[in-house]
């Protein structure tokens, strides 16, 4: 066998095996997604399968509805109330949040008004920007989070840029509320 051909086979065989292995693995992942059972509710879909959550919302399910947890989910404990909207915030699912907002997910409910707090806790800067553009209320976080402001939570997590963004949003909101209308 010629040396050039031998070298090509020595180099090409492992590369071809690697490519075939990667292709096989990606096919298995896609097959698992297709064959995975449909989530049992919108909350589970928001946490695990955003595409399934979109289908449920389009089918009329309310993304802002509070759900009493029967087991721990992200940082929420069993027995706490959470909404699919807040789970999408924590998961950083911006596209899913856009669908939820278009479907009328309100910020001003006692649960969903914590959206910026959740974004701060999970370091979701892109989500925080989206929520701010949509007019999310800037409120103190729940007692479980120490009653701090979102900027405090972001700062304690070491996310200075996000903390600064929250500070600016708070100040702009205060200015807008102080301006006389008419």
Protein backbone atom coordinates (compact mmCIF):
# COMPACT_ATOMS: atom_id res chain seq x y z
CA UNK A 1 0.00 0.00 0.00
CA UNK A 2 1.29 3.45 -0.86
CA UNK A 3 2.38 5.64 2.05
CA UNK A 4 0.04 8.48 1.03
CA UNK A 5 -2.95 6.11 0.95
CA UNK A 6 -1.95 4.56 4.28
CA UNK A 7 -1.70 8.05 5.85
CA UNK A 8 -5.09 9.04 4.45
CA UNK A 9 -6.66 5.89 5.89
CA UNK A 10 -4.99 6.41 9.27
CA UNK A 11 -6.23 9.99 9.51
CA UNK A 12 -9.55 9.56 7.72
CA UNK A 13 -10.84 6.50 9.55
CA UNK A 14 -11.00 8.04 13.04
CA UNK A 15 -12.49 11.25 11.65
CA UNK A 16 -15.15 9.30 9.75
CA UNK A 17 -15.93 7.24 12.85
CA UNK A 18 -16.23 10.39 14.94
CA UNK A 19 -18.59 12.01 12.43
CA UNK A 20 -20.74 8.88 12.19
CA UNK A 21 -20.85 8.66 15.98
CA UNK A 22 -21.93 12.29 16.31
CA UNK A 23 -24.58 11.82 13.63
CA UNK A 24 -25.89 8.71 15.39
CA UNK A 25 -26.00 10.49 18.76
CA UNK A 26 -27.92 13.46 17.34
CA UNK A 27 -30.42 11.11 15.69
CA UNK A 28 -30.95 9.34 19.01
CA UNK A 29 -31.54 12.64 20.80
CA UNK A 30 -34.09 13.72 18.18
CA UNK A 31 -35.82 10.33 18.36
CA UNK A 32 -36.03 10.64 22.14
CA UNK A 33 -37.64 14.07 21.80
CA UNK A 34 -40.24 12.76 19.39
CA UNK A 35 -41.01 9.65 21.40
CA UNK A 36 -41.02 11.41 24.80
CA UNK A 37 -44.46 11.43 26.37
CA UNK A 38 -46.47 14.64 26.17
CA UNK A 39 -46.07 16.69 29.38
CA UNK A 40 -49.06 16.23 31.70
CA UNK A 41 -49.68 19.98 32.10
CA UNK A 42 -48.53 23.39 30.94
CA UNK A 43 -46.23 23.81 33.94
CA UNK A 44 -44.33 20.62 33.12
CA UNK A 45 -44.22 21.59 29.44
CA UNK A 46 -42.77 25.03 30.28
CA UNK A 47 -40.07 23.36 32.39
CA UNK A 48 -39.17 20.54 30.02
CA UNK A 49 -40.48 21.02 26.48
CA UNK A 50 -41.12 24.60 25.32
CA UNK A 51 -42.59 23.40 22.02
CA UNK A 52 -45.23 21.40 23.89
CA UNK A 53 -45.94 24.46 26.04
CA UNK A 54 -46.59 26.55 22.93
CA UNK A 55 -49.03 23.92 21.62
CA UNK A 56 -50.88 23.95 24.97
CA UNK A 57 -51.08 27.76 25.02
CA UNK A 58 -52.38 27.81 21.45
CA UNK A 59 -54.94 25.26 22.62
CA UNK A 60 -56.20 27.74 25.20
CA UNK A 61 -54.30 26.92 28.40
CA UNK A 62 -53.48 29.95 30.57
CA UNK A 63 -49.72 30.50 31.06
CA UNK A 64 -50.35 32.79 34.02
CA UNK A 65 -52.43 30.34 36.05
CA UNK A 66 -50.92 29.50 39.42
CA UNK A 67 -50.19 25.83 40.07
CA UNK A 68 -49.65 24.25 43.50
CA UNK A 69 -46.51 22.12 43.21
CA UNK A 70 -46.72 18.46 44.13
CA UNK A 71 -42.90 18.18 43.94
CA UNK A 72 -39.86 20.47 43.81
CA UNK A 73 -39.35 22.36 40.56
CA UNK A 74 -36.25 24.48 40.03
CA UNK A 75 -36.02 26.57 43.23
CA UNK A 76 -39.70 26.24 44.14
CA UNK A 77 -40.55 23.67 46.80
CA UNK A 78 -43.41 21.22 47.04
CA UNK A 79 -46.48 23.06 48.29
CA UNK A 80 -45.50 26.43 46.78
CA UNK A 81 -47.44 28.20 44.07
CA UNK A 82 -45.79 28.90 40.72
CA UNK A 83 -46.98 29.61 37.20
CA UNK A 84 -45.77 28.32 33.83
CA UNK A 85 -44.89 31.96 33.09
CA UNK A 86 -42.42 32.13 35.99
CA UNK A 87 -40.93 28.75 35.05
CA UNK A 88 -40.30 30.08 31.52
CA UNK A 89 -38.64 33.16 33.06
CA UNK A 90 -36.36 30.99 35.21
CA UNK A 91 -35.53 28.73 32.27
CA UNK A 92 -34.60 31.65 30.02
CA UNK A 93 -37.11 30.65 27.35
CA UNK A 94 -37.49 34.01 25.60
CA UNK A 95 -39.45 32.67 22.62
CA UNK A 96 -41.87 30.86 24.92
CA UNK A 97 -42.27 34.03 26.98
CA UNK A 98 -43.13 36.01 23.84
CA UNK A 99 -45.87 33.49 23.08
CA UNK A 100 -47.11 33.67 26.68
CA UNK A 101 -47.17 37.47 26.63
CA UNK A 102 -48.99 37.48 23.29
CA UNK A 103 -51.53 35.08 24.85
CA UNK A 104 -52.16 37.65 27.57
CA UNK A 105 -50.06 36.42 30.49
CA UNK A 106 -50.47 39.26 32.99
CA UNK A 107 -47.65 40.66 35.09
CA UNK A 108 -49.87 42.25 37.64
CA UNK A 109 -51.07 39.10 39.38
CA UNK A 110 -49.71 38.55 42.90
CA UNK A 111 -47.59 35.67 41.61
CA UNK A 112 -46.40 36.83 38.20
CA UNK A 113 -45.39 40.27 39.46
CA UNK A 114 -42.26 38.42 40.68
CA UNK A 115 -41.00 37.90 37.11
CA UNK A 116 -38.05 40.32 37.42
CA UNK A 117 -37.09 38.74 40.75
CA UNK A 118 -36.98 35.30 39.13
CA UNK A 119 -34.98 36.65 36.18
CA UNK A 120 -32.51 38.18 38.66
CA UNK A 121 -32.19 34.97 40.67
CA UNK A 122 -31.42 32.93 37.55
CA UNK A 123 -29.20 35.54 35.87
CA UNK A 124 -31.50 35.79 32.87
CA UNK A 125 -30.45 39.13 31.42
CA UNK A 126 -32.12 38.60 28.04
CA UNK A 127 -35.37 37.62 29.73
CA UNK A 128 -35.13 40.63 32.06
CA UNK A 129 -34.74 42.95 29.05
CA UNK A 130 -37.75 41.37 27.34
CA UNK A 131 -39.85 41.71 30.52
CA UNK A 132 -38.80 45.34 30.93
CA UNK A 133 -39.73 46.15 27.33
CA UNK A 134 -43.14 44.66 28.08
CA UNK A 135 -43.56 46.80 31.21
CA UNK A 136 -42.97 44.27 33.98
CA UNK A 137 -43.57 45.78 37.42
CA UNK A 138 -40.54 46.49 39.56
CA UNK A 139 -41.50 45.13 42.97
CA UNK A 140 -39.79 43.80 46.06
CA UNK A 141 -39.17 40.10 45.81
CA UNK A 142 -41.09 37.62 47.93
CA UNK A 143 -40.14 37.11 51.55
CA UNK A 144 -38.44 33.85 50.58
CA UNK A 145 -35.96 35.98 48.60
CA UNK A 146 -35.52 38.24 51.61
CA UNK A 147 -37.82 40.97 50.35
CA UNK A 148 -34.94 42.42 48.33
CA UNK A 149 -35.15 44.27 45.05
CA UNK A 150 -34.21 42.48 41.81
CA UNK A 151 -31.05 44.62 41.60
CA UNK A 152 -29.96 43.36 45.05
CA UNK A 153 -30.45 39.74 44.02
CA UNK A 154 -28.49 40.22 40.78
CA UNK A 155 -25.73 42.05 42.64
CA UNK A 156 -25.41 39.33 45.28
CA UNK A 157 -25.14 36.75 42.50
CA UNK A 158 -22.21 38.72 41.09
CA UNK A 159 -24.08 39.88 38.02
CA UNK A 160 -23.17 43.59 38.08
CA UNK A 161 -24.41 44.32 34.57
CA UNK A 162 -27.86 42.91 35.33
CA UNK A 163 -27.97 44.72 38.68
CA UNK A 164 -27.17 48.00 36.90
CA UNK A 165 -29.89 47.32 34.34
CA UNK A 166 -32.41 46.78 37.16
CA UNK A 167 -31.31 50.01 38.90
CA UNK A 168 -31.78 51.97 35.70
CA UNK A 169 -35.20 50.39 35.11
CA UNK A 170 -36.28 51.28 38.66
CA UNK A 171 -35.13 54.90 38.25
CA UNK A 172 -36.77 55.33 34.85
CA UNK A 173 -39.99 53.84 36.23
CA UNK A 174 -39.95 56.26 39.17
CA UNK A 175 -39.43 59.20 36.80
CA UNK A 176 -42.28 58.04 34.54
CA UNK A 177 -44.63 57.71 37.52
CA UNK A 178 -43.69 61.16 38.85
CA UNK A 179 -44.37 62.98 35.57
CA UNK A 180 -47.78 64.64 35.40
CA UNK A 181 -49.99 63.37 32.61
CA UNK A 182 -51.93 65.67 30.32
